[in-house]
C-alpha cells in the first residue's frame, strides 16, 4: 500500500511538471488517501501485536 502511495505521488510530481493540473491533483489525493490508510493499518497492527504479547 505504501508502494502505491509513493507511485501516485511520483505520478503527481510528473503531471505537475507537465502542467497537467487535474491529473496531478487526482494523483495527489489518491496518494494521500493510500498513505493514511497505510498509517492506520500499521498502527492497528502494532496495537494488535502489543496486546498479544509479541
N, C-alpha and C. Protein backbone atom coordinates (compact mmCIF):
# COMPACT_ATOMS: atom_id res chain seq x y z
N UNK A 1 0.82 -1.18 0.00
CA UNK A 1 0.00 0.00 0.00
C UNK A 1 0.88 1.26 0.00
N UNK A 2 1.94 1.21 0.76
CA UNK A 2 2.85 2.35 0.77
C UNK A 2 3.51 2.52 -0.59
N UNK A 3 3.77 1.41 -1.25
CA UNK A 3 4.36 1.45 -2.59
C UNK A 3 3.41 2.15 -3.58
N UNK A 4 2.12 1.85 -3.48
CA UNK A 4 1.14 2.50 -4.33
C UNK A 4 1.04 3.99 -4.05
N UNK A 5 1.13 4.35 -2.79
CA UNK A 5 1.09 5.76 -2.41
C UNK A 5 2.28 6.52 -3.01
N UNK A 6 3.45 5.92 -2.92
CA UNK A 6 4.64 6.55 -3.50
C UNK A 6 4.52 6.64 -5.01
N UNK A 7 3.97 5.61 -5.63
CA UNK A 7 3.78 5.64 -7.09
C UNK A 7 2.86 6.77 -7.53
N UNK A 8 1.74 6.95 -6.83
CA UNK A 8 0.83 8.04 -7.18
C UNK A 8 1.46 9.40 -6.88
N UNK A 9 2.30 9.48 -5.85
CA UNK A 9 2.99 10.73 -5.55
C UNK A 9 3.95 11.10 -6.68
N UNK A 10 4.69 10.12 -7.17
CA UNK A 10 5.61 10.35 -8.30
C UNK A 10 4.82 10.76 -9.54
N UNK A 11 3.68 10.09 -9.78
CA UNK A 11 2.83 10.45 -10.90
C UNK A 11 2.34 11.91 -10.77
N UNK A 12 2.01 12.32 -9.56
CA UNK A 12 1.56 13.69 -9.33
C UNK A 12 2.68 14.69 -9.62
N UNK A 13 3.89 14.35 -9.23
CA UNK A 13 5.02 15.25 -9.49
C UNK A 13 5.28 15.37 -10.98
N UNK A 14 5.25 14.25 -11.68
CA UNK A 14 5.48 14.28 -13.14
C UNK A 14 4.36 15.05 -13.84
N UNK A 15 3.11 14.82 -13.43
CA UNK A 15 2.00 15.55 -14.03
C UNK A 15 2.09 17.03 -13.73
N UNK A 16 2.57 17.38 -12.54
CA UNK A 16 2.74 18.79 -12.19
C UNK A 16 3.82 19.45 -13.04
N UNK A 17 4.87 18.71 -13.36
CA UNK A 17 5.94 19.26 -14.20
C UNK A 17 5.45 19.56 -15.61
N UNK A 18 4.50 18.77 -16.09
CA UNK A 18 3.97 18.97 -17.43
C UNK A 18 2.70 19.82 -17.43
N UNK A 19 2.40 20.48 -16.30
CA UNK A 19 1.26 21.39 -16.16
C UNK A 19 -0.08 20.70 -16.41
N UNK A 20 -0.20 19.47 -15.95
CA UNK A 20 -1.46 18.74 -16.04
C UNK A 20 -2.11 18.78 -14.66
N UNK A 21 -2.72 19.90 -14.34
CA UNK A 21 -3.22 20.17 -13.00
C UNK A 21 -4.25 19.19 -12.48
N UNK A 22 -5.20 18.81 -13.31
CA UNK A 22 -6.26 17.91 -12.86
C UNK A 22 -5.71 16.53 -12.53
N UNK A 23 -4.82 16.04 -13.37
CA UNK A 23 -4.22 14.72 -13.14
C UNK A 23 -3.34 14.75 -11.90
N UNK A 24 -2.58 15.83 -11.74
CA UNK A 24 -1.71 15.96 -10.56
C UNK A 24 -2.53 16.01 -9.28
N UNK A 25 -3.63 16.74 -9.31
CA UNK A 25 -4.49 16.85 -8.13
C UNK A 25 -5.12 15.50 -7.78
N UNK A 26 -5.60 14.79 -8.79
CA UNK A 26 -6.21 13.48 -8.55
C UNK A 26 -5.18 12.49 -8.01
N UNK A 27 -4.00 12.47 -8.58
CA UNK A 27 -2.95 11.55 -8.12
C UNK A 27 -2.52 11.90 -6.70
N UNK A 28 -2.45 13.17 -6.38
CA UNK A 28 -2.09 13.59 -5.03
C UNK A 28 -3.14 13.15 -4.03
N UNK A 29 -4.40 13.30 -4.38
CA UNK A 29 -5.47 12.87 -3.47
C UNK A 29 -5.45 11.36 -3.25
N UNK A 30 -5.22 10.59 -4.30
CA UNK A 30 -5.15 9.14 -4.16
C UNK A 30 -3.96 8.74 -3.30
N UNK A 31 -2.82 9.39 -3.53
CA UNK A 31 -1.62 9.10 -2.73
C UNK A 31 -1.87 9.42 -1.26
N UNK A 32 -2.53 10.54 -0.99
CA UNK A 32 -2.80 10.93 0.39
C UNK A 32 -3.72 9.92 1.07
N UNK A 33 -4.76 9.48 0.38
CA UNK A 33 -5.69 8.50 0.95
C UNK A 33 -4.98 7.19 1.23
N UNK A 34 -4.20 6.70 0.27
CA UNK A 34 -3.48 5.44 0.47
C UNK A 34 -2.48 5.54 1.62
N UNK A 35 -1.83 6.70 1.75
CA UNK A 35 -0.87 6.88 2.83
C UNK A 35 -1.55 6.83 4.19
N UNK A 36 -2.69 7.51 4.33
CA UNK A 36 -3.39 7.50 5.61
C UNK A 36 -3.96 6.12 5.94
N UNK A 37 -4.43 5.40 4.94
CA UNK A 37 -4.90 4.04 5.17
C UNK A 37 -3.74 3.16 5.63
N UNK A 38 -2.56 3.34 5.01
CA UNK A 38 -1.38 2.59 5.43
C UNK A 38 -1.01 2.90 6.87
N UNK A 39 -1.03 4.17 7.26
CA UNK A 39 -0.70 4.56 8.62
C UNK A 39 -1.68 3.94 9.62
N UNK A 40 -2.97 4.01 9.32
CA UNK A 40 -3.99 3.45 10.21
C UNK A 40 -3.80 1.95 10.36
N UNK A 41 -3.59 1.24 9.26
CA UNK A 41 -3.38 -0.20 9.33
C UNK A 41 -2.09 -0.56 10.08
N UNK A 42 -1.05 0.23 9.92
CA UNK A 42 0.20 -0.02 10.62
C UNK A 42 0.01 0.15 12.13
N UNK A 43 -0.69 1.21 12.53
CA UNK A 43 -0.94 1.44 13.96
C UNK A 43 -1.80 0.32 14.54
N UNK A 44 -2.84 -0.08 13.82
CA UNK A 44 -3.69 -1.17 14.30
C UNK A 44 -2.89 -2.47 14.44
N UNK A 45 -2.00 -2.72 13.50
CA UNK A 45 -1.17 -3.92 13.56
C UNK A 45 -0.24 -3.87 14.76
N UNK A 46 0.35 -2.74 15.04
CA UNK A 46 1.23 -2.59 16.20
C UNK A 46 0.46 -2.80 17.49
N UNK A 47 -0.72 -2.21 17.60
CA UNK A 47 -1.54 -2.37 18.80
C UNK A 47 -1.94 -3.83 18.98
N UNK A 48 -2.31 -4.48 17.89
CA UNK A 48 -2.72 -5.88 17.98
C UNK A 48 -1.58 -6.77 18.46
N UNK A 49 -0.36 -6.52 17.97
CA UNK A 49 0.78 -7.32 18.39
C UNK A 49 1.16 -7.02 19.84
N UNK A 50 0.98 -5.79 20.28
CA UNK A 50 1.26 -5.45 21.69
C UNK A 50 0.30 -6.19 22.62
N UNK A 51 -0.96 -6.28 22.22
CA UNK A 51 -1.96 -6.98 23.04
C UNK A 51 -1.66 -8.49 23.13
N UNK A 52 -1.12 -9.06 22.06
CA UNK A 52 -0.83 -10.50 22.03
C UNK A 52 0.45 -10.81 22.80
N UNK A 53 1.25 -9.80 23.10
CA UNK A 53 2.47 -10.01 23.87
C UNK A 53 3.67 -10.41 23.04
N UNK A 54 3.67 -10.07 21.78
CA UNK A 54 4.80 -10.42 20.92
C UNK A 54 5.83 -9.34 20.99
